[in-house]
């Protein structure tokens, strides 16, 4: 339970940007799945996968920094 004296969690602008990137990656993935099977679709899905890995790393770094504060 949170005491009423405690300040609400601070919103981290970097974490907000990471969440925006996660949403963009999800939309890209949804769009790429509509591409007919073939090399273009395969390459698109591979690039989106790389993007999602980078975004996940950014999220982890933000969370580590928040815990360190």
PDB file of N, CA and C in Angstrom:
ATOM      1  N   UNK A   1       0.848  -1.181   0.000  1.00  0.00           N
ATOM      2  CA  UNK A   1       0.000   0.000   0.000  1.00  0.00           C
ATOM      3  C   UNK A   1       0.887   1.236   0.000  1.00  0.00           C
ATOM      4  N   UNK A   2       0.503   2.248  -0.746  1.00  0.00           N
ATOM      5  CA  UNK A   2       1.283   3.475  -0.843  1.00  0.00           C
ATOM      6  C   UNK A   2       0.700   4.502   0.113  1.00  0.00           C
ATOM      7  N   UNK A   3       1.578   5.096   0.938  1.00  0.00           N
ATOM      8  CA  UNK A   3       1.143   6.169   1.832  1.00  0.00           C
ATOM      9  C   UNK A   3       0.792   7.398   1.001  1.00  0.00           C
ATOM     10  N   UNK A   4      -0.136   8.194   1.497  1.00  0.00           N
ATOM     11  CA  UNK A   4      -0.525   9.391   0.761  1.00  0.00           C
ATOM     12  C   UNK A   4       0.605  10.419   0.745  1.00  0.00           C
ATOM     13  N   UNK A   5       1.604  10.256   1.646  1.00  0.00           N
ATOM     14  CA  UNK A   5       2.741  11.177   1.687  1.00  0.00           C
ATOM     15  C   UNK A   5       3.704  10.944   0.523  1.00  0.00           C
ATOM     16  N   UNK A   6       3.706   9.714  -0.004  1.00  0.00           N
ATOM     17  CA  UNK A   6       4.654   9.391  -1.054  1.00  0.00           C
ATOM     18  C   UNK A   6       4.280  10.087  -2.353  1.00  0.00           C
ATOM     19  N   UNK A   7       5.316  10.544  -3.036  1.00  0.00           N
ATOM     20  CA  UNK A   7       5.089  11.172  -4.340  1.00  0.00           C
ATOM     21  C   UNK A   7       4.770  10.089  -5.360  1.00  0.00           C
ATOM     22  N   UNK A   8       3.925  10.408  -6.311  1.00  0.00           N
ATOM     23  CA  UNK A   8       3.649   9.418  -7.359  1.00  0.00           C
ATOM     24  C   UNK A   8       4.919   9.154  -8.161  1.00  0.00           C
ATOM     25  N   UNK A   9       5.015   7.992  -8.810  1.00  0.00           N
ATOM     26  CA  UNK A   9       6.210   7.700  -9.586  1.00  0.00           C
ATOM     27  C   UNK A   9       6.448   8.774 -10.642  1.00  0.00           C
ATOM     28  N   UNK A  10       7.691   9.165 -10.756  1.00  0.00           N
ATOM     29  CA  UNK A  10       8.052  10.197 -11.722  1.00  0.00           C
ATOM     30  C   UNK A  10       8.013   9.616 -13.127  1.00  0.00           C
ATOM     31  N   UNK A  11       7.464  10.374 -14.036  1.00  0.00           N
ATOM     32  CA  UNK A  11       7.401   9.921 -15.425  1.00  0.00           C
ATOM     33  C   UNK A  11       8.732  10.238 -16.089  1.00  0.00           C
ATOM     34  N   UNK A  12       9.369   9.227 -16.598  1.00  0.00           N
ATOM     35  CA  UNK A  12      10.653   9.390 -17.257  1.00  0.00           C
ATOM     36  C   UNK A  12      10.411   9.647 -18.742  1.00  0.00           C
ATOM     37  N   UNK A  13      10.834  10.809 -19.247  1.00  0.00           N
ATOM     38  CA  UNK A  13      10.591  11.099 -20.666  1.00  0.00           C
ATOM     39  C   UNK A  13      11.261  10.095 -21.603  1.00  0.00           C
ATOM     40  N   UNK A  14      12.410   9.569 -21.213  1.00  0.00           N
ATOM     41  CA  UNK A  14      13.087   8.587 -22.069  1.00  0.00           C
ATOM     42  C   UNK A  14      12.279   7.299 -22.126  1.00  0.00           C
ATOM     43  N   UNK A  15      11.707   6.884 -20.985  1.00  0.00           N
ATOM     44  CA  UNK A  15      10.887   5.683 -20.968  1.00  0.00           C
ATOM     45  C   UNK A  15       9.640   5.877 -21.834  1.00  0.00           C
ATOM     46  N   UNK A  16       9.094   7.080 -21.826  1.00  0.00           N
ATOM     47  CA  UNK A  16       7.943   7.387 -22.674  1.00  0.00           C
ATOM     48  C   UNK A  16       8.320   7.252 -24.151  1.00  0.00           C
ATOM     49  N   UNK A  17       9.506   7.720 -24.509  1.00  0.00           N
ATOM     50  CA  UNK A  17       9.961   7.599 -25.893  1.00  0.00           C
ATOM     51  C   UNK A  17      10.182   6.138 -26.276  1.00  0.00           C
ATOM     52  N   UNK A  18      10.685   5.358 -25.328  1.00  0.00           N
ATOM     53  CA  UNK A  18      10.876   3.922 -25.583  1.00  0.00           C
ATOM     54  C   UNK A  18       9.520   3.262 -25.823  1.00  0.00           C
ATOM     55  N   UNK A  19       8.533   3.628 -25.034  1.00  0.00           N
ATOM     56  CA  UNK A  19       7.190   3.075 -25.230  1.00  0.00           C
ATOM     57  C   UNK A  19       6.641   3.452 -26.599  1.00  0.00           C
ATOM     58  N   UNK A  20       6.919   4.680 -27.031  1.00  0.00           N
ATOM     59  CA  UNK A  20       6.501   5.105 -28.377  1.00  0.00           C
ATOM     60  C   UNK A  20       7.164   4.235 -29.441  1.00  0.00           C
ATOM     61  N   UNK A  21       8.457   3.965 -29.263  1.00  0.00           N
ATOM     62  CA  UNK A  21       9.175   3.116 -30.219  1.00  0.00           C
ATOM     63  C   UNK A  21       8.617   1.693 -30.224  1.00  0.00           C
ATOM     64  N   UNK A  22       8.226   1.190 -29.053  1.00  0.00           N
ATOM     65  CA  UNK A  22       7.620  -0.143 -28.983  1.00  0.00           C
ATOM     66  C   UNK A  22       6.314  -0.189 -29.766  1.00  0.00           C
ATOM     67  N   UNK A  23       5.531   0.874 -29.654  1.00  0.00           N
ATOM     68  CA  UNK A  23       4.266   0.936 -30.391  1.00  0.00           C
ATOM     69  C   UNK A  23       4.513   1.005 -31.897  1.00  0.00           C
ATOM     70  N   UNK A  24       5.507   1.784 -32.298  1.00  0.00           N
ATOM     71  CA  UNK A  24       5.839   1.885 -33.720  1.00  0.00           C
ATOM     72  C   UNK A  24       6.289   0.526 -34.247  1.00  0.00           C
ATOM     73  N   UNK A  25       7.139  -0.158 -33.490  1.00  0.00           N
ATOM     74  CA  UNK A  25       7.619  -1.475 -33.915  1.00  0.00           C
ATOM     75  C   UNK A  25       6.456  -2.461 -34.055  1.00  0.00           C
ATOM     76  N   UNK A  26       5.496  -2.378 -33.138  1.00  0.00           N
ATOM     77  CA  UNK A  26       4.334  -3.268 -33.215  1.00  0.00           C
ATOM     78  C   UNK A  26       3.512  -2.982 -34.478  1.00  0.00           C
ATOM     79  N   UNK A  27       3.357  -1.696 -34.810  1.00  0.00           N
ATOM     80  CA  UNK A  27       2.613  -1.335 -36.026  1.00  0.00           C
ATOM     81  C   UNK A  27       3.364  -1.796 -37.277  1.00  0.00           C
ATOM     82  N   UNK A  28       4.689  -1.640 -37.260  1.00  0.00           N
ATOM     83  CA  UNK A  28       5.486  -2.101 -38.395  1.00  0.00           C
ATOM     84  C   UNK A  28       5.349  -3.608 -38.585  1.00  0.00           C
ATOM     85  N   UNK A  29       5.376  -4.333 -37.483  1.00  0.00           N
ATOM     86  CA  UNK A  29       5.250  -5.790 -37.546  1.00  0.00           C
ATOM     87  C   UNK A  29       3.894  -6.186 -38.122  1.00  0.00           C
ATOM     88  N   UNK A  30       2.857  -5.521 -37.658  1.00  0.00           N
ATOM     89  CA  UNK A  30       1.511  -5.806 -38.162  1.00  0.00           C
ATOM     90  C   UNK A  30       1.426  -5.541 -39.668  1.00  0.00           C
ATOM     91  N   UNK A  31       2.033  -4.448 -40.110  1.00  0.00           N
ATOM     92  CA  UNK A  31       2.027  -4.104 -41.522  1.00  0.00           C
ATOM     93  C   UNK A  31       2.865  -5.094 -42.339  1.00  0.00           C
ATOM     94  N   UNK A  32       4.042  -5.448 -41.823  1.00  0.00           N
ATOM     95  CA  UNK A  32       4.927  -6.361 -42.550  1.00  0.00           C
ATOM     96  C   UNK A  32       4.290  -7.734 -42.734  1.00  0.00           C
ATOM     97  N   UNK A  33       3.471  -8.139 -41.789  1.00  0.00           N
ATOM     98  CA  UNK A  33       2.809  -9.441 -41.915  1.00  0.00           C
ATOM     99  C   UNK A  33       1.803  -9.477 -43.058  1.00  0.00           C
ATOM    100  N   UNK A  34       1.413  -8.302 -43.546  1.00  0.00           N
ATOM    101  CA  UNK A  34       0.474  -8.233 -44.671  1.00  0.00           C
ATOM    102  C   UNK A  34       1.182  -8.359 -46.016  1.00  0.00           C
ATOM    103  N   UNK A  35       2.512  -8.244 -46.010  1.00  0.00           N
ATOM    104  CA  UNK A  35       3.286  -8.372 -47.244  1.00  0.00           C
ATOM    105  C   UNK A  35       3.242  -9.837 -47.674  1.00  0.00           C
ATOM    106  N   UNK A  36       3.050 -10.088 -48.968  1.00  0.00           N
ATOM    107  CA  UNK A  36       3.032 -11.484 -49.431  1.00  0.00           C
ATOM    108  C   UNK A  36       4.357 -12.188 -49.116  1.00  0.00           C
ATOM    109  N   UNK A  37       4.295 -13.489 -48.869  1.00  0.00           N
ATOM    110  CA  UNK A  37       5.529 -14.236 -48.581  1.00  0.00           C
ATOM    111  C   UNK A  37       6.576 -14.022 -49.672  1.00  0.00           C
ATOM    112  N   UNK A  38       7.804 -13.931 -49.239  1.00  0.00           N
ATOM    113  CA  UNK A  38       8.897 -13.733 -50.185  1.00  0.00           C
ATOM    114  C   UNK A  38      10.031 -12.980 -49.530  1.00  0.00           C
ATOM    115  N   UNK A  39      11.040 -12.636 -50.305  1.00  0.00           N
ATOM    116  CA  UNK A  39      12.228 -12.012 -49.738  1.00  0.00           C
ATOM    117  C   UNK A  39      11.976 -10.630 -49.136  1.00  0.00           C
ATOM    118  N   UNK A  40      11.066  -9.859 -49.692  1.00  0.00           N
ATOM    119  CA  UNK A  40      10.785  -8.522 -49.148  1.00  0.00           C
ATOM    120  C   UNK A  40      10.174  -8.657 -47.751  1.00  0.00           C
ATOM    121  N   UNK A  41       9.226  -9.566 -47.620  1.00  0.00           N
ATOM    122  CA  UNK A  41       8.607  -9.784 -46.313  1.00  0.00           C
ATOM    123  C   UNK A  41       9.641 -10.304 -45.315  1.00  0.00           C
ATOM    124  N   UNK A  42      10.444 -11.261 -45.745  1.00  0.00           N
ATOM    125  CA  UNK A  42      11.460 -11.842 -44.870  1.00  0.00           C
ATOM    126  C   UNK A  42      12.430 -10.769 -44.385  1.00  0.00           C
ATOM    127  N   UNK A  43      12.925  -9.949 -45.311  1.00  0.00           N
ATOM    128  CA  UNK A  43      13.863  -8.887 -44.939  1.00  0.00           C
ATOM    129  C   UNK A  43      13.211  -7.858 -44.010  1.00  0.00           C
ATOM    130  N   UNK A  44      11.955  -7.527 -44.284  1.00  0.00           N
ATOM    131  CA  UNK A  44      11.233  -6.567 -43.436  1.00  0.00           C
ATOM    132  C   UNK A  44      11.082  -7.093 -42.016  1.00  0.00           C
ATOM    133  N   UNK A  45      10.677  -8.351 -41.902  1.00  0.00           N
ATOM    134  CA  UNK A  45      10.504  -8.942 -40.579  1.00  0.00           C
ATOM    135  C   UNK A  45      11.839  -9.035 -39.835  1.00  0.00           C
ATOM    136  N   UNK A  46      12.910  -9.309 -40.562  1.00  0.00           N
ATOM    137  CA  UNK A  46      14.230  -9.394 -39.944  1.00  0.00           C
ATOM    138  C   UNK A  46      14.658  -8.021 -39.396  1.00  0.00           C
ATOM    139  N   UNK A  47      14.450  -6.974 -40.190  1.00  0.00           N
ATOM    140  CA  UNK A  47      14.811  -5.621 -39.752  1.00  0.00           C
ATOM    141  C   UNK A  47      13.967  -5.175 -38.556  1.00  0.00           C
ATOM    142  N   UNK A  48      12.692  -5.495 -38.594  1.00  0.00           N
ATOM    143  CA  UNK A  48      11.817  -5.141 -37.471  1.00  0.00           C
ATOM    144  C   UNK A  48      12.258  -5.894 -36.222  1.00  0.00           C
ATOM    145  N   UNK A  49      12.685  -7.125 -36.372  1.00  0.00           N
ATOM    146  CA  UNK A  49      13.202  -7.893 -35.241  1.00  0.00           C
ATOM    147  C   UNK A  49      14.422  -7.229 -34.635  1.00  0.00           C
ATOM    148  N   UNK A  50      15.311  -6.735 -35.483  1.00  0.00           N
ATOM    149  CA  UNK A  50      16.496  -6.020 -34.982  1.00  0.00           C
ATOM    150  C   UNK A  50      16.088  -4.756 -34.226  1.00  0.00           C
ATOM    151  N   UNK A  51      15.122  -4.040 -34.785  1.00  0.00           N
ATOM    152  CA  UNK A  51      14.631  -2.832 -34.124  1.00  0.00           C
ATOM    153  C   UNK A  51      14.070  -3.163 -32.744  1.00  0.00           C
ATOM    154  N   UNK A  52      13.305  -4.233 -32.657  1.00  0.00           N
ATOM    155  CA  UNK A  52      12.698  -4.610 -31.379  1.00  0.00           C
ATOM    156  C   UNK A  52      13.760  -4.980 -30.342  1.00  0.00           C
ATOM    157  N   UNK A  53      14.852  -5.596 -30.781  1.00  0.00           N
ATOM    158  CA  UNK A  53      15.956  -5.918 -29.870  1.00  0.00           C
ATOM    159  C   UNK A  53      16.584  -4.629 -29.337  1.00  0.00           C
ATOM    160  N   UNK A  54      16.814  -3.663 -30.228  1.00  0.00           N
ATOM    161  CA  UNK A  54      17.389  -2.387 -29.805  1.00  0.00           C
ATOM    162  C   UNK A  54      16.473  -1.664 -28.817  1.00  0.00           C
ATOM    163  N   UNK A  55      15.184  -1.674 -29.103  1.00  0.00           N
ATOM    164  CA  UNK A  55      14.221  -1.014 -28.219  1.00  0.00           C
ATOM    165  C   UNK A  55      14.181  -1.719 -26.862  1.00  0.00           C
ATOM    166  N   UNK A  56      14.244  -3.037 -26.856  1.00  0.00           N
ATOM    167  CA  UNK A  56      14.260  -3.781 -25.594  1.00  0.00           C
ATOM    168  C   UNK A  56      15.505  -3.435 -24.784  1.00  0.00           C
ATOM    169  N   UNK A  57      16.641  -3.267 -25.452  1.00  0.00           N
ATOM    170  CA  UNK A  57      17.862  -2.852 -24.753  1.00  0.00           C
ATOM    171  C   UNK A  57      17.711  -1.458 -24.159  1.00  0.00           C
ATOM    172  N   UNK A  58      17.089  -0.551 -24.914  1.00  0.00           N
ATOM    173  CA  UNK A  58      16.860   0.799 -24.402  1.00  0.00           C
ATOM    174  C   UNK A  58      15.972   0.776 -23.171  1.00  0.00           C
ATOM    175  N   UNK A  59      14.916  -0.044 -23.222  1.00  0.00           N
ATOM    176  CA  UNK A  59      14.017  -0.146 -22.071  1.00  0.00           C
ATOM    177  C   UNK A  59      14.777  -0.659 -20.848  1.00  0.00           C
ATOM    178  N   UNK A  60      15.596  -1.670 -21.037  1.00  0.00           N
ATOM    179  CA  UNK A  60      16.361  -2.235 -19.925  1.00  0.00           C
ATOM    180  C   UNK A  60      17.310  -1.189 -19.339  1.00  0.00           C
ATOM    181  N   UNK A  61      17.943  -0.402 -20.188  1.00  0.00           N
ATOM    182  CA  UNK A  61      18.841   0.643 -19.699  1.00  0.00           C
ATOM    183  C   UNK A  61      18.073   1.695 -18.907  1.00  0.00           C
ATOM    184  N   UNK A  62      16.910   2.102 -19.399  1.00  0.00           N
ATOM    185  CA  UNK A  62      16.087   3.083 -18.685  1.00  0.00           C
ATOM    186  C   UNK A  62      15.685   2.557 -17.315  1.00  0.00           C
ATOM    187  N   UNK A  63      15.288   1.296 -17.274  1.00  0.00           N
ATOM    188  CA  UNK A  63      14.861   0.708 -16.004  1.00  0.00           C
ATOM    189  C   UNK A  63      16.029   0.599 -15.029  1.00  0.00           C
ATOM    190  N   UNK A  64      17.219   0.259 -15.541  1.00  0.00           N
ATOM    191  CA  UNK A  64      18.407   0.201 -14.666  1.00  0.00           C
ATOM    192  C   UNK A  64      18.732   1.575 -14.116  1.00  0.00           C
ATOM    193  N   UNK A  65      18.639   2.595 -14.948  1.00  0.00           N
ATOM    194  CA  UNK A  65      18.923   3.953 -14.503  1.00  0.00           C
ATOM    195  C   UNK A  65      17.915   4.422 -13.454  1.00  0.00           C
ATOM    196  N   UNK A  66      16.655   4.040 -13.643  1.00  0.00           N
ATOM    197  CA  UNK A  66      15.621   4.426 -12.664  1.00  0.00           C
ATOM    198  C   UNK A  66      15.888   3.779 -11.315  1.00  0.00           C
ATOM    199  N   UNK A  67      16.296   2.504 -11.339  1.00  0.00           N
ATOM    200  CA  UNK A  67      16.575   1.819 -10.070  1.00  0.00           C
ATOM    201  C   UNK A  67      17.794   2.406  -9.373  1.00  0.00           C
ATOM    202  N   UNK A  68      18.726   2.935 -10.157  1.00  0.00           N
ATOM    203  CA  UNK A  68      19.962   3.482  -9.588  1.00  0.00           C
ATOM    204  C   UNK A  68      19.722   4.837  -8.930  1.00  0.00           C
ATOM    205  N   UNK A  69      18.653   5.503  -9.281  1.00  0.00           N
ATOM    206  CA  UNK A  69      18.377   6.840  -8.708  1.00  0.00           C
ATOM    207  C   UNK A  69      17.967   6.784  -7.273  1.00  0.00           C
TER     208      UNK A  69
END
